[in-house]
Structures are given as structure tokens and as C-alpha cells.
């Protein structure tokens, strides 16, 4: 059994299967908690993943090397350190301190989407390079205060770091050094952006240290656009493959909200959460995960669990409830989920008239190599 399990999970990690890992996830779910040959445990059913996302015996602490001596971001911390840093990061971003930050961005987001569509060439478009990527990059740069002209530099570092199962330390270190210089400038000369707010805020938890601020900036820059790129691209792919939903969206603009939620369930941009650790023996689903064992939570497998969703391999924005695991859950629930939802809803709505006359030039498209973040690297269409 362990050998078979290991071979299935190895196949999931293999980039050759990135175009369609879902049959492998079906095999994985046959046993909810599977011991892998390396001593880790792979969790793949909805109920088991959801339970562990809320279990305080599952730690997010990592023993990976620091980036230039920086502390880990709050994504890789447990309470109480996690709670303090997350509260500090939330203050300039969302409720209760900044309740209208995301909603007030809607006109700007709609304008950005229209601008990018207006720049499309007349015949052939790469919907990733010319729309799904530049839109969230411009948004996160504007939000954080990262100069957009530096995008080629940080894109190279982020691509190098993320297009593999284990993050590439040198690339992340270069990114941290770049953002550290930017943080220093914001400390000395703050502006209206989020980095400036984080650097100068005097809330009840005090201020982040410089090291905490740089670590948080690395997390927010990467997470603030990479997942949204995949969400927009995956949404476009669904519409191109199933034009019925494109026609429905054109006729029923309000369908965009459940449509995006169903994309998040059906083909989530974050496929799995790795680097969790059991702090104690954890009995679950007929298996005991031993203390100290690494844990991988396969969100995408849970999102296609037939015990939770009727006919889970069918795309259906009308299904109820629309609950899914795409943003995780518990204390580490995705920090930027409201912004990602809004970006995807506005982007797909703006793009729908273009997709009505678009034709996929390759199917399946070329995918990113990462098993954690799944989305097309390119999505080329002809505009007929």
C-alpha cells in the first residue's frame, strides 16, 4: 500500500501530469490519510483536510533556512506569533481598521482590465502574458508601493522560486534583499501605500520589526498576484472549453460570483499545502499521524471529493453549498481572498465578450511546473 501511495503522489508531483492531476487525486482519496515512503502523510479527502486545517496539533512552523536571516512570515508561524503579525498586516488592508480598502479598488480594477483588453493585438493573444498576469501584478504593485518598472526583476526571482516543489532559496533571498531596500525607503519617506502603512503604523500590537516587515513584504508580493494569475487563467480555460457558461455569463452578469467560486472548487490555483507538522499523535480517518511527521494537505483533491460534492468532476456554478477549500481554512485562511475574488470577478466579466470570439490554439495548454500552484503558463487563443 505504501509503495502504491508513494507512486501516486510521486506522479502528482511529476510535471508531466500537471495538465490533469485529477484522476490521480481520485486514486489518492481511496485512503484519506496516506503514509508516504519519506515518512510524511498525504491527506486528500474534504473532511480530513478540513479537520486538520482547524486542528491546533498541526503546526505551520518550518525548519527551512531563513532568507538572509529573516524570520518566517506569519504563513509559517503558529499562535501567538502568527496572530500578532497577521493582525498587523491586516490593519492597512481590511476590516476592522481599513474596512473599505478592497471595495474601493473596484473602479480602478475595472479600468485596468479594460486597458489591458484594449491593448490586445487583433488576431492572437496569450491570455496569461497579456491579461491574467499583468492585471494582478499591477494591482499588488500599486497596493504595496512596489515600482511597476521593477517587475522584470522580481518576476525572474519569483518564477525561479516557485516553479519547483521546494522553493529556491537564492531567488527568494534576492527578492528579500530587493524588498528590504524598498522597506528602508518607506521607513525614511513613507507614502500612501500599504508598505508605508505597515512601516509607520502604531496600532495596539506595536510595529513590525524591519525583519518582520521584509518577510511580510515577500509573502504579500508573491501571494498577492501568483494565485490570482492562476485563478483568472483557470477561469478563462473553463469558459473556452465549456462555452455554455460563457453564453450564460453574457446573458446573466450576476452569475460571475458563483462562477468564480466554482472555479475555485473545480480547479483551484493552490492545489496543496505542504510543510505542516504534527505536534502530537493525531488519530484521523482510521490512521494515526505520529508526532513530528510532515503533513501535506491536498486541497484540490478535497474539492473533488464525492462525499462532499455531488458529481464533483462536473463544473456547475449552481451547486449548493459552494463551500470549498481553495483558500484554506482556520487561522491561515487566505489573507487576500476578498481581493482575489474581486479581481477574478471583474477580470472575467470584462474578458467575456473577447472570449466569445476566441479559439484555443493548444489544449491542454503548457502548465507551470509547480505542483503547489497550478495554472497555465500560457493560454494562447485566436480571435476569430
Foldseek 3Di string as FASTA:
>chain_A
DQVVLQVLVVVLLFLVCQQPNQVSLVVNVVAQWHQHPVQFIEGFAQVQQQVVLADLLKALAFPDDDQVPFDAALLRGDPPVSVLRLVLLCLCPDPDNPPCRQVVCQVVLLVLLVVLVVPDDAWKDWCLVRPLQPSLLVVLCQQAVPDPVCVVVLVVLLLQQFLHAHGDRVSLNVQLVVVLVVLVVLLVPNDDHSSVCQNDPQDPSGHDDSSNSSNNVSVCNNVSRQQLSQLLQLLLVVCQVPVVVLVVCVVPVVLLLLSSLLSCLQPAQFQKDWNMFRCAFDDDSNDTSHHGHTYMYGQNSNSQHCVVDPPSNDRDSPDPPSDGCNQHDHPNRNSCVVNSSSSNSSNCSSCSVQSVQKHWPDPPADWRSGSGGTHHPTTMITRD
